[in-house]
Amino acid sequence: MKIAIPTAEGKLCMHFGHCQQFEILTVDPETKTITDCEAMTPPPHEPGVIPAWLHEQGANMIIAGGMGQRAQQIFVQNDIQVVVGAPSAPSEELVTAWMNGTLVSGANACDH
């Protein structure tokens, strides 16, 4: 399984479309371990581009701080599960919390 995290300065960027990079973490859900982490520069932010690009990278899930409803729909259409409302924290911390069922998500940080 691959989980994408939009990042800026080493932590989750609260709006995925404004991130500097995506960290794509490969995880083994059975052992709850992170087996790989790759930082990638996304293509320019335009509607529908990033979900398709992340799908091409093999992402199954995105953990984000904020994301508009249309973007969420496009991710789902690309077979990528969406988790929004995550706090600004390092990627490995967020993914570990998700795997352990302890990821606390708040309000969606995006309202469009």
PDB file of N, CA and C in Angstrom:
ATOM      1  N   MET A   1       0.845  -1.174   0.000  1.00  0.00           N
ATOM      2  CA  MET A   1       0.000   0.000   0.000  1.00  0.00           C
ATOM      3  C   MET A   1       0.889   1.234   0.000  1.00  0.00           C
ATOM      4  N   LYS A   2       0.471   2.251  -0.759  1.00  0.00           N
ATOM      5  CA  LYS A   2       1.231   3.508  -0.799  1.00  0.00           C
ATOM      6  C   LYS A   2       0.335   4.660  -0.345  1.00  0.00           C
ATOM      7  N   ILE A   3       0.874   5.449   0.591  1.00  0.00           N
ATOM      8  CA  ILE A   3       0.139   6.578   1.151  1.00  0.00           C
ATOM      9  C   ILE A   3       0.873   7.863   0.788  1.00  0.00           C
ATOM     10  N   ALA A   4       0.156   8.800   0.176  1.00  0.00           N
ATOM     11  CA  ALA A   4       0.740  10.086  -0.233  1.00  0.00           C
ATOM     12  C   ALA A   4       0.443  11.142   0.827  1.00  0.00           C
ATOM     13  N   ILE A   5       1.460  11.939   1.133  1.00  0.00           N
ATOM     14  CA  ILE A   5       1.331  13.038   2.090  1.00  0.00           C
ATOM     15  C   ILE A   5       1.868  14.301   1.413  1.00  0.00           C
ATOM     16  N   PRO A   6       1.046  15.352   1.279  1.00  0.00           N
ATOM     17  CA  PRO A   6       1.560  16.614   0.741  1.00  0.00           C
ATOM     18  C   PRO A   6       2.393  17.301   1.823  1.00  0.00           C
ATOM     19  N   THR A   7       3.623  17.685   1.485  1.00  0.00           N
ATOM     20  CA  THR A   7       4.505  18.254   2.509  1.00  0.00           C
ATOM     21  C   THR A   7       5.100  19.596   2.093  1.00  0.00           C
ATOM     22  N   ALA A   8       5.464  20.342   3.121  1.00  0.00           N
ATOM     23  CA  ALA A   8       6.231  21.583   2.985  1.00  0.00           C
ATOM     24  C   ALA A   8       7.081  21.673   4.242  1.00  0.00           C
ATOM     25  N   GLU A   9       8.358  21.885   4.068  1.00  0.00           N
ATOM     26  CA  GLU A   9       9.304  22.008   5.182  1.00  0.00           C
ATOM     27  C   GLU A   9       9.252  20.801   6.122  1.00  0.00           C
ATOM     28  N   GLY A  10       9.097  19.613   5.546  1.00  0.00           N
ATOM     29  CA  GLY A  10       9.170  18.382   6.318  1.00  0.00           C
ATOM     30  C   GLY A  10       7.922  17.974   7.069  1.00  0.00           C
ATOM     31  N   LYS A  11       6.842  18.720   6.905  1.00  0.00           N
ATOM     32  CA  LYS A  11       5.589  18.388   7.591  1.00  0.00           C
ATOM     33  C   LYS A  11       4.434  18.459   6.607  1.00  0.00           C
ATOM     34  N   LEU A  12       3.297  17.875   7.029  1.00  0.00           N
ATOM     35  CA  LEU A  12       2.112  17.925   6.207  1.00  0.00           C
ATOM     36  C   LEU A  12       1.761  19.375   5.886  1.00  0.00           C
ATOM     37  N   CYS A  13       1.543  19.652   4.606  1.00  0.00           N
ATOM     38  CA  CYS A  13       1.102  20.964   4.140  1.00  0.00           C
ATOM     39  C   CYS A  13      -0.419  20.969   4.241  1.00  0.00           C
ATOM     40  N   MET A  14      -0.982  21.971   4.852  1.00  0.00           N
ATOM     41  CA  MET A  14      -2.407  21.961   5.139  1.00  0.00           C
ATOM     42  C   MET A  14      -3.296  21.975   3.893  1.00  0.00           C
ATOM     43  N   HIS A  15      -2.784  22.378   2.746  1.00  0.00           N
ATOM     44  CA  HIS A  15      -3.564  22.316   1.508  1.00  0.00           C
ATOM     45  C   HIS A  15      -2.731  21.591   0.469  1.00  0.00           C
ATOM     46  N   PHE A  16      -3.222  20.435   0.032  1.00  0.00           N
ATOM     47  CA  PHE A  16      -2.422  19.573  -0.845  1.00  0.00           C
ATOM     48  C   PHE A  16      -1.986  20.274  -2.125  1.00  0.00           C
ATOM     49  N   GLY A  17      -2.776  21.186  -2.658  1.00  0.00           N
ATOM     50  CA  GLY A  17      -2.448  21.845  -3.918  1.00  0.00           C
ATOM     51  C   GLY A  17      -1.349  22.881  -3.812  1.00  0.00           C
ATOM     52  N   HIS A  18      -0.935  23.199  -2.587  1.00  0.00           N
ATOM     53  CA  HIS A  18       0.102  24.215  -2.382  1.00  0.00           C
ATOM     54  C   HIS A  18       1.379  23.611  -1.812  1.00  0.00           C
ATOM     55  N   CYS A  19       1.496  22.293  -1.844  1.00  0.00           N
ATOM     56  CA  CYS A  19       2.658  21.654  -1.228  1.00  0.00           C
ATOM     57  C   CYS A  19       3.894  21.771  -2.112  1.00  0.00           C
ATOM     58  N   GLN A  20       5.066  21.640  -1.452  1.00  0.00           N
ATOM     59  CA  GLN A  20       6.338  21.652  -2.171  1.00  0.00           C
ATOM     60  C   GLN A  20       6.624  20.279  -2.765  1.00  0.00           C
ATOM     61  N   GLN A  21       6.272  19.239  -1.997  1.00  0.00           N
ATOM     62  CA  GLN A  21       6.529  17.865  -2.421  1.00  0.00           C
ATOM     63  C   GLN A  21       5.434  16.953  -1.897  1.00  0.00           C
ATOM     64  N   PHE A  22       5.397  15.760  -2.437  1.00  0.00           N
ATOM     65  CA  PHE A  22       4.598  14.687  -1.878  1.00  0.00           C
ATOM     66  C   PHE A  22       5.575  13.638  -1.388  1.00  0.00           C
ATOM     67  N   GLU A  23       5.370  13.178  -0.174  1.00  0.00           N
ATOM     68  CA  GLU A  23       6.105  12.018   0.300  1.00  0.00           C
ATOM     69  C   GLU A  23       5.180  10.832   0.094  1.00  0.00           C
ATOM     70  N   ILE A  24       5.681   9.831  -0.596  1.00  0.00           N
ATOM     71  CA  ILE A  24       4.897   8.630  -0.846  1.00  0.00           C
ATOM     72  C   ILE A  24       5.529   7.509  -0.028  1.00  0.00           C
ATOM     73  N   LEU A  25       4.783   7.082   0.974  1.00  0.00           N
ATOM     74  CA  LEU A  25       5.268   6.067   1.898  1.00  0.00           C
ATOM     75  C   LEU A  25       4.663   4.714   1.546  1.00  0.00           C
ATOM     76  N   THR A  26       5.513   3.725   1.387  1.00  0.00           N
ATOM     77  CA  THR A  26       5.066   2.364   1.145  1.00  0.00           C
ATOM     78  C   THR A  26       4.947   1.693   2.506  1.00  0.00           C
ATOM     79  N   VAL A  27       3.785   1.103   2.758  1.00  0.00           N
ATOM     80  CA  VAL A  27       3.550   0.483   4.063  1.00  0.00           C
ATOM     81  C   VAL A  27       3.092  -0.962   3.902  1.00  0.00           C
ATOM     82  N   ASP A  28       3.390  -1.740   4.912  1.00  0.00           N
ATOM     83  CA  ASP A  28       2.884  -3.102   5.007  1.00  0.00           C
ATOM     84  C   ASP A  28       1.812  -3.072   6.089  1.00  0.00           C
ATOM     85  N   PRO A  29       0.521  -3.075   5.692  1.00  0.00           N
ATOM     86  CA  PRO A  29      -0.544  -2.963   6.684  1.00  0.00           C
ATOM     87  C   PRO A  29      -0.604  -4.133   7.665  1.00  0.00           C
ATOM     88  N   GLU A  30      -0.128  -5.296   7.255  1.00  0.00           N
ATOM     89  CA  GLU A  30      -0.163  -6.457   8.144  1.00  0.00           C
ATOM     90  C   GLU A  30       0.810  -6.308   9.301  1.00  0.00           C
ATOM     91  N   THR A  31       2.024  -5.825   9.002  1.00  0.00           N
ATOM     92  CA  THR A  31       3.022  -5.661  10.064  1.00  0.00           C
ATOM     93  C   THR A  31       3.037  -4.236  10.616  1.00  0.00           C
ATOM     94  N   LYS A  32       2.235  -3.376  10.001  1.00  0.00           N
ATOM     95  CA  LYS A  32       2.156  -1.959  10.399  1.00  0.00           C
ATOM     96  C   LYS A  32       3.537  -1.301  10.399  1.00  0.00           C
ATOM     97  N   THR A  33       4.259  -1.520   9.288  1.00  0.00           N
ATOM     98  CA  THR A  33       5.582  -0.922   9.149  1.00  0.00           C
ATOM     99  C   THR A  33       5.675  -0.136   7.848  1.00  0.00           C
ATOM    100  N   ILE A  34       6.492   0.910   7.891  1.00  0.00           N
ATOM    101  CA  ILE A  34       6.801   1.704   6.705  1.00  0.00           C
ATOM    102  C   ILE A  34       8.040   1.083   6.088  1.00  0.00           C
ATOM    103  N   THR A  35       7.940   0.684   4.822  1.00  0.00           N
ATOM    104  CA  THR A  35       9.059   0.007   4.176  1.00  0.00           C
ATOM    105  C   THR A  35       9.847   0.908   3.233  1.00  0.00           C
ATOM    106  N   ASP A  36       9.262   2.065   2.849  1.00  0.00           N
ATOM    107  CA  ASP A  36       9.959   2.974   1.948  1.00  0.00           C
ATOM    108  C   ASP A  36       9.294   4.341   2.020  1.00  0.00           C
ATOM    109  N   CYS A  37      10.070   5.381   1.752  1.00  0.00           N
ATOM    110  CA  CYS A  37       9.538   6.742   1.689  1.00  0.00           C
ATOM    111  C   CYS A  37      10.276   7.480   0.582  1.00  0.00           C
ATOM    112  N   GLU A  38       9.507   7.991  -0.374  1.00  0.00           N
ATOM    113  CA  GLU A  38      10.094   8.706  -1.505  1.00  0.00           C
ATOM    114  C   GLU A  38       9.476  10.090  -1.600  1.00  0.00           C
ATOM    115  N   ALA A  39      10.316  11.128  -1.667  1.00  0.00           N
ATOM    116  CA  ALA A  39       9.845  12.506  -1.838  1.00  0.00           C
ATOM    117  C   ALA A  39       9.854  12.837  -3.324  1.00  0.00           C
ATOM    118  N   MET A  40       8.712  13.353  -3.802  1.00  0.00           N
ATOM    119  CA  MET A  40       8.579  13.658  -5.217  1.00  0.00           C
ATOM    120  C   MET A  40       7.981  15.055  -5.399  1.00  0.00           C
ATOM    121  N   THR A  41       8.453  15.764  -6.406  1.00  0.00           N
ATOM    122  CA  THR A  41       7.902  17.075  -6.739  1.00  0.00           C
ATOM    123  C   THR A  41       6.694  16.874  -7.654  1.00  0.00           C
ATOM    124  N   PRO A  42       5.534  17.412  -7.250  1.00  0.00           N
ATOM    125  CA  PRO A  42       4.329  17.209  -8.054  1.00  0.00           C
ATOM    126  C   PRO A  42       4.304  18.086  -9.299  1.00  0.00           C
ATOM    127  N   PRO A  43       3.455  17.748 -10.252  1.00  0.00           N
ATOM    128  CA  PRO A  43       3.261  18.632 -11.413  1.00  0.00           C
ATOM    129  C   PRO A  43       2.526  19.890 -10.954  1.00  0.00           C
ATOM    130  N   PRO A  44       2.476  20.930 -11.787  1.00  0.00           N
ATOM    131  CA  PRO A  44       1.751  22.155 -11.415  1.00  0.00           C
ATOM    132  C   PRO A  44       0.301  21.848 -11.041  1.00  0.00           C
ATOM    133  N   HIS A  45      -0.182  22.566 -10.038  1.00  0.00           N
ATOM    134  CA  HIS A  45      -1.533  22.335  -9.516  1.00  0.00           C
ATOM    135  C   HIS A  45      -2.584  22.880 -10.475  1.00  0.00           C
ATOM    136  N   GLU A  46      -3.340  21.972 -11.052  1.00  0.00           N
ATOM    137  CA  GLU A  46      -4.498  22.288 -11.884  1.00  0.00           C
ATOM    138  C   GLU A  46      -5.536  21.233 -11.582  1.00  0.00           C
ATOM    139  N   PRO A  47      -6.818  21.532 -11.718  1.00  0.00           N
ATOM    140  CA  PRO A  47      -7.850  20.564 -11.373  1.00  0.00           C
ATOM    141  C   PRO A  47      -7.637  19.204 -12.041  1.00  0.00           C
ATOM    142  N   GLY A  48      -7.599  18.159 -11.217  1.00  0.00           N
ATOM    143  CA  GLY A  48      -7.497  16.792 -11.710  1.00  0.00           C
ATOM    144  C   GLY A  48      -6.102  16.275 -11.987  1.00  0.00           C
ATOM    145  N   VAL A  49      -5.099  17.147 -12.044  1.00  0.00           N
ATOM    146  CA  VAL A  49      -3.749  16.721 -12.421  1.00  0.00           C
ATOM    147  C   VAL A  49      -3.086  15.910 -11.305  1.00  0.00           C
ATOM    148  N   ILE A  50      -3.120  16.406 -10.084  1.00  0.00           N
ATOM    149  CA  ILE A  50      -2.415  15.732  -8.987  1.00  0.00           C
ATOM    150  C   ILE A  50      -3.041  14.373  -8.664  1.00  0.00           C
ATOM    151  N   PRO A  51      -4.382  14.241  -8.603  1.00  0.00           N
ATOM    152  CA  PRO A  51      -4.920  12.897  -8.357  1.00  0.00           C
ATOM    153  C   PRO A  51      -4.488  11.876  -9.414  1.00  0.00           C
ATOM    154  N   ALA A  52      -4.497  12.256 -10.666  1.00  0.00           N
ATOM    155  CA  ALA A  52      -4.075  11.340 -11.733  1.00  0.00           C
ATOM    156  C   ALA A  52      -2.591  11.007 -11.601  1.00  0.00           C
ATOM    157  N   TRP A  53      -1.783  12.011 -11.273  1.00  0.00           N
ATOM    158  CA  TRP A  53      -0.339  11.811 -11.108  1.00  0.00           C
ATOM    159  C   TRP A  53      -0.053  10.865  -9.937  1.00  0.00           C
ATOM    160  N   LEU A  54      -0.744  11.075  -8.805  1.00  0.00           N
ATOM    161  CA  LEU A  54      -0.538  10.190  -7.657  1.00  0.00           C
ATOM    162  C   LEU A  54      -0.999   8.767  -7.962  1.00  0.00           C
ATOM    163  N   HIS A  55      -2.065   8.632  -8.744  1.00  0.00           N
ATOM    164  CA  HIS A  55      -2.518   7.302  -9.164  1.00  0.00           C
ATOM    165  C   HIS A  55      -1.419   6.620  -9.981  1.00  0.00           C
ATOM    166  N   GLU A  56      -0.784   7.368 -10.875  1.00  0.00           N
ATOM    167  CA  GLU A  56       0.317   6.829 -11.682  1.00  0.00           C
ATOM    168  C   GLU A  56       1.490   6.392 -10.808  1.00  0.00           C
ATOM    169  N   GLN A  57       1.671   7.056  -9.656  1.00  0.00           N
ATOM    170  CA  GLN A  57       2.760   6.713  -8.729  1.00  0.00           C
ATOM    171  C   GLN A  57       2.398   5.502  -7.870  1.00  0.00           C
ATOM    172  N   GLY A  58       1.161   5.027  -7.982  1.00  0.00           N
ATOM    173  CA  GLY A  58       0.730   3.848  -7.240  1.00  0.00           C
ATOM    174  C   GLY A  58       0.088   4.151  -5.898  1.00  0.00           C
ATOM    175  N   ALA A  59      -0.226   5.421  -5.626  1.00  0.00           N
ATOM    176  CA  ALA A  59      -0.832   5.776  -4.337  1.00  0.00           C
ATOM    177  C   ALA A  59      -2.228   5.180  -4.195  1.00  0.00           C
ATOM    178  N   ASN A  60      -2.517   4.662  -2.999  1.00  0.00           N
ATOM    179  CA  ASN A  60      -3.831   4.110  -2.674  1.00  0.00           C
ATOM    180  C   ASN A  60      -4.601   5.034  -1.739  1.00  0.00           C
ATOM    181  N   MET A  61      -3.881   5.954  -1.086  1.00  0.00           N
ATOM    182  CA  MET A  61      -4.484   6.825  -0.088  1.00  0.00           C
ATOM    183  C   MET A  61      -3.725   8.140  -0.051  1.00  0.00           C
ATOM    184  N   ILE A  62      -4.448   9.205   0.319  1.00  0.00           N
ATOM    185  CA  ILE A  62      -3.816  10.487   0.597  1.00  0.00           C
ATOM    186  C   ILE A  62      -4.301  10.941   1.966  1.00  0.00           C
ATOM    187  N   ILE A  63      -3.362  11.389   2.781  1.00  0.00           N
ATOM    188  CA  ILE A  63      -3.684  11.997   4.071  1.00  0.00           C
ATOM    189  C   ILE A  63      -3.379  13.475   3.909  1.00  0.00           C
ATOM    190  N   ALA A  64      -4.400  14.319   4.105  1.00  0.00           N
ATOM    191  CA  ALA A  64      -4.244  15.754   3.863  1.00  0.00           C
ATOM    192  C   ALA A  64      -4.831  16.566   5.013  1.00  0.00           C
ATOM    193  N   GLY A  65      -4.431  17.810   5.081  1.00  0.00           N
ATOM    194  CA  GLY A  65      -5.017  18.725   6.050  1.00  0.00           C
ATOM    195  C   GLY A  65      -6.327  19.268   5.523  1.00  0.00           C
ATOM    196  N   GLY A  66      -6.287  19.726   4.285  1.00  0.00           N
ATOM    197  CA  GLY A  66      -7.479  20.288   3.683  1.00  0.00           C
ATOM    198  C   GLY A  66      -7.570  19.967   2.214  1.00  0.00           C
ATOM    199  N   MET A  67      -8.826  19.825   1.747  1.00  0.00           N
ATOM    200  CA  MET A  67      -9.046  19.502   0.347  1.00  0.00           C
ATOM    201  C   MET A  67     -10.506  19.797   0.015  1.00  0.00           C
ATOM    202  N   GLY A  68     -10.723  20.467  -1.108  1.00  0.00           N
ATOM    203  CA  GLY A  68     -12.074  20.762  -1.553  1.00  0.00           C
ATOM    204  C   GLY A  68     -12.834  19.505  -1.931  1.00  0.00           C
ATOM    205  N   GLN A  69     -14.158  19.605  -1.940  1.00  0.00           N
ATOM    206  CA  GLN A  69     -15.005  18.455  -2.252  1.00  0.00           C
ATOM    207  C   GLN A  69     -14.753  17.910  -3.657  1.00  0.00           C
ATOM    208  N   ARG A  70     -14.569  18.786  -4.625  1.00  0.00           N
ATOM    209  CA  ARG A  70     -14.322  18.335  -6.007  1.00  0.00           C
ATOM    210  C   ARG A  70     -13.026  17.533  -6.079  1.00  0.00           C
ATOM    211  N   ALA A  71     -11.985  18.017  -5.418  1.00  0.00           N
ATOM    212  CA  ALA A  71     -10.712  17.290  -5.414  1.00  0.00           C
ATOM    213  C   ALA A  71     -10.884  15.919  -4.765  1.00  0.00           C
ATOM    214  N   GLN A  72     -11.646  15.853  -3.676  1.00  0.00           N
ATOM    215  CA  GLN A  72     -11.893  14.569  -3.026  1.00  0.00           C
ATOM    216  C   GLN A  72     -12.572  13.600  -3.986  1.00  0.00           C
ATOM    217  N   GLN A  73     -13.536  14.092  -4.745  1.00  0.00           N
ATOM    218  CA  GLN A  73     -14.234  13.252  -5.718  1.00  0.00           C
ATOM    219  C   GLN A  73     -13.274  12.734  -6.791  1.00  0.00           C
ATOM    220  N   ILE A  74     -12.374  13.600  -7.254  1.00  0.00           N
ATOM    221  CA  ILE A  74     -11.415  13.199  -8.289  1.00  0.00           C
ATOM    222  C   ILE A  74     -10.454  12.141  -7.742  1.00  0.00           C
ATOM    223  N   PHE A  75     -10.033  12.286  -6.493  1.00  0.00           N
ATOM    224  CA  PHE A  75      -9.172  11.254  -5.888  1.00  0.00           C
ATOM    225  C   PHE A  75      -9.899   9.921  -5.842  1.00  0.00           C
ATOM    226  N   VAL A  76     -11.160   9.924  -5.403  1.00  0.00           N
ATOM    227  CA  VAL A  76     -11.944   8.687  -5.322  1.00  0.00           C
ATOM    228  C   VAL A  76     -12.089   8.067  -6.709  1.00  0.00           C
ATOM    229  N   GLN A  77     -12.308   8.894  -7.736  1.00  0.00           N
ATOM    230  CA  GLN A  77     -12.409   8.392  -9.108  1.00  0.00           C
ATOM    231  C   GLN A  77     -11.104   7.746  -9.566  1.00  0.00           C
ATOM    232  N   ASN A  78      -9.991   8.152  -8.947  1.00  0.00           N
ATOM    233  CA  ASN A  78      -8.679   7.586  -9.273  1.00  0.00           C
ATOM    234  C   ASN A  78      -8.298   6.463  -8.302  1.00  0.00           C
ATOM    235  N   ASP A  79      -9.300   5.915  -7.589  1.00  0.00           N
ATOM    236  CA  ASP A  79      -9.088   4.805  -6.648  1.00  0.00           C
ATOM    237  C   ASP A  79      -8.120   5.152  -5.517  1.00  0.00           C
ATOM    238  N   ILE A  80      -8.189   6.390  -5.049  1.00  0.00           N
ATOM    239  CA  ILE A  80      -7.347   6.827  -3.934  1.00  0.00           C
ATOM    240  C   ILE A  80      -8.254   7.238  -2.773  1.00  0.00           C
ATOM    241  N   GLN A  81      -8.107   6.539  -1.647  1.00  0.00           N
ATOM    242  CA  GLN A  81      -8.870   6.862  -0.441  1.00  0.00           C
ATOM    243  C   GLN A  81      -8.385   8.196   0.112  1.00  0.00           C
ATOM    244  N   VAL A  82      -9.307   9.017   0.616  1.00  0.00           N
ATOM    245  CA  VAL A  82      -8.977  10.355   1.100  1.00  0.00           C
ATOM    246  C   VAL A  82      -9.228  10.448   2.605  1.00  0.00           C
ATOM    247  N   VAL A  83      -8.213  10.944   3.330  1.00  0.00           N
ATOM    248  CA  VAL A  83      -8.345  11.268   4.742  1.00  0.00           C
ATOM    249  C   VAL A  83      -8.009  12.754   4.867  1.00  0.00           C
ATOM    250  N   VAL A  84      -8.951  13.564   5.342  1.00  0.00           N
ATOM    251  CA  VAL A  84      -8.699  15.000   5.502  1.00  0.00           C
ATOM    252  C   VAL A  84      -8.808  15.389   6.972  1.00  0.00           C
ATOM    253  N   GLY A  85      -8.281  16.573   7.270  1.00  0.00           N
ATOM    254  CA  GLY A  85      -8.335  17.086   8.629  1.00  0.00           C
ATOM    255  C   GLY A  85      -7.156  16.657   9.480  1.00  0.00           C
ATOM    256  N   ALA A  86      -6.120  16.108   8.847  1.00  0.00           N
ATOM    257  CA  ALA A  86      -4.936  15.663   9.590  1.00  0.00           C
ATOM    258  C   ALA A  86      -4.144  16.880  10.075  1.00  0.00           C
ATOM    259  N   PRO A  87      -3.443  16.738  11.188  1.00  0.00           N
ATOM    260  CA  PRO A  87      -2.636  17.840  11.707  1.00  0.00           C
ATOM    261  C   PRO A  87      -1.313  17.973  10.947  1.00  0.00           C
ATOM    262  N   SER A  88      -0.700  19.128  11.056  1.00  0.00           N
ATOM    263  CA  SER A  88       0.612  19.355  10.444  1.00  0.00           C
ATOM    264  C   SER A  88       1.656  18.627  11.282  1.00  0.00           C
ATOM    265  N   ALA A  89       2.140  17.516  10.754  1.00  0.00           N
ATOM    266  CA  ALA A  89       3.126  16.685  11.442  1.00  0.00           C
ATOM    267  C   ALA A  89       3.966  15.981  10.384  1.00  0.00           C
ATOM    268  N   PRO A  90       5.107  15.405  10.778  1.00  0.00           N
ATOM    269  CA  PRO A  90       5.908  14.649   9.815  1.00  0.00           C
ATOM    270  C   PRO A  90       5.128  13.462   9.246  1.00  0.00           C
ATOM    271  N   SER A  91       5.394  13.126   7.997  1.00  0.00           N
ATOM    272  CA  SER A  91       4.681  12.068   7.283  1.00  0.00           C
ATOM    273  C   SER A  91       4.700  10.730   8.008  1.00  0.00           C
ATOM    274  N   GLU A  92       5.872  10.322   8.469  1.00  0.00           N
ATOM    275  CA  GLU A  92       5.975   9.015   9.117  1.00  0.00           C
ATOM    276  C   GLU A  92       5.116   8.963  10.381  1.00  0.00           C
ATOM    277  N   GLU A  93       5.041  10.068  11.106  1.00  0.00           N
ATOM    278  CA  GLU A  93       4.204  10.131  12.306  1.00  0.00           C
ATOM    279  C   GLU A  93       2.729   9.963  11.942  1.00  0.00           C
ATOM    280  N   LEU A  94       2.291  10.640  10.869  1.00  0.00           N
ATOM    281  CA  LEU A  94       0.900  10.547  10.441  1.00  0.00           C
ATOM    282  C   LEU A  94       0.540   9.134   9.978  1.00  0.00           C
ATOM    283  N   VAL A  95       1.400   8.536   9.177  1.00  0.00           N
ATOM    284  CA  VAL A  95       1.126   7.200   8.648  1.00  0.00           C
ATOM    285  C   VAL A  95       1.139   6.165   9.766  1.00  0.00           C
ATOM    286  N   THR A  96       2.077   6.283  10.689  1.00  0.00           N
ATOM    287  CA  THR A  96       2.119   5.363  11.825  1.00  0.00           C
ATOM    288  C   THR A  96       0.849   5.481  12.658  1.00  0.00           C
ATOM    289  N   ALA A  97       0.406   6.715  12.904  1.00  0.00           N
ATOM    290  CA  ALA A  97      -0.835   6.919  13.660  1.00  0.00           C
ATOM    291  C   ALA A  97      -2.023   6.324  12.911  1.00  0.00           C
ATOM    292  N   TRP A  98      -2.076   6.494  11.599  1.00  0.00           N
ATOM    293  CA  TRP A  98      -3.173   5.918  10.816  1.00  0.00           C
ATOM    294  C   TRP A  98      -3.171   4.392  10.922  1.00  0.00           C
ATOM    295  N   MET A  99      -1.996   3.790  10.767  1.00  0.00           N
ATOM    296  CA  MET A  99      -1.908   2.327  10.834  1.00  0.00           C
ATOM    297  C   MET A  99      -2.316   1.803  12.212  1.00  0.00           C
ATOM    298  N   ASN A 100      -2.033   2.573  13.256  1.00  0.00           N
ATOM    299  CA  ASN A 100      -2.372   2.157  14.617  1.00  0.00           C
ATOM    300  C   ASN A 100      -3.788   2.547  15.022  1.00  0.00           C
ATOM    301  N   GLY A 101      -4.508   3.232  14.125  1.00  0.00           N
ATOM    302  CA  GLY A 101      -5.870   3.652  14.439  1.00  0.00           C
ATOM    303  C   GLY A 101      -5.943   4.819  15.406  1.00  0.00           C
ATOM    304  N   THR A 102      -4.843   5.583  15.499  1.00  0.00           N
ATOM    305  CA  THR A 102      -4.810   6.699  16.443  1.00  0.00           C
ATOM    306  C   THR A 102      -4.698   8.064  15.770  1.00  0.00           C
ATOM    307  N   LEU A 103      -4.824   8.102  14.443  1.00  0.00           N
ATOM    308  CA  LEU A 103      -4.744   9.383  13.740  1.00  0.00           C
ATOM    309  C   LEU A 103      -5.986  10.211  14.078  1.00  0.00           C
ATOM    310  N   VAL A 104      -5.758  11.345  14.687  1.00  0.00           N
ATOM    311  CA  VAL A 104      -6.850  12.230  15.057  1.00  0.00           C
ATOM    312  C   VAL A 104      -6.969  13.288  13.974  1.00  0.00           C
ATOM    313  N   SER A 105      -8.100  13.308  13.318  1.00  0.00           N
ATOM    314  CA  SER A 105      -8.304  14.313  12.285  1.00  0.00           C
ATOM    315  C   SER A 105      -9.342  15.314  12.771  1.00  0.00           C
ATOM    316  N   GLY A 106      -9.113  16.558  12.392  1.00  0.00           N
ATOM    317  CA  GLY A 106     -10.019  17.628  12.776  1.00  0.00           C
ATOM    318  C   GLY A 106     -10.837  18.060  11.590  1.00  0.00           C
ATOM    319  N   ALA A 107     -11.145  19.326  11.562  1.00  0.00           N
ATOM    320  CA  ALA A 107     -11.929  19.874  10.468  1.00  0.00           C
ATOM    321  C   ALA A 107     -11.102  19.940   9.190  1.00  0.00           C
ATOM    322  N   ASN A 108     -11.771  19.801   8.073  1.00  0.00           N
ATOM    323  CA  ASN A 108     -11.139  19.964   6.777  1.00  0.00           C
ATOM    324  C   ASN A 108     -10.625  21.402   6.697  1.00  0.00           C
ATOM    325  N   ALA A 109      -9.327  21.565   6.452  1.00  0.00           N
ATOM    326  CA  ALA A 109      -8.725  22.898   6.440  1.00  0.00           C
ATOM    327  C   ALA A 109      -9.005  23.665   5.142  1.00  0.00           C
ATOM    328  N   CYS A 110      -9.858  23.119   4.288  1.00  0.00           N
ATOM    329  CA  CYS A 110     -10.177  23.765   3.016  1.00  0.00           C
ATOM    330  C   CYS A 110     -11.681  23.829   2.869  1.00  0.00           C
ATOM    331  N   ASP A 111     -12.186  24.971   2.419  1.00  0.00           N
ATOM    332  CA  ASP A 111     -13.633  25.120   2.346  1.00  0.00           C
ATOM    333  C   ASP A 111     -14.155  25.323   0.931  1.00  0.00           C
ATOM    334  N   HIS A 112     -13.376  24.941  -0.076  1.00  0.00           N
ATOM    335  CA  HIS A 112     -13.904  25.086  -1.449  1.00  0.00           C
ATOM    336  C   HIS A 112     -13.984  23.774  -2.156  1.00  0.00           C
TER     337      HIS A 112
END
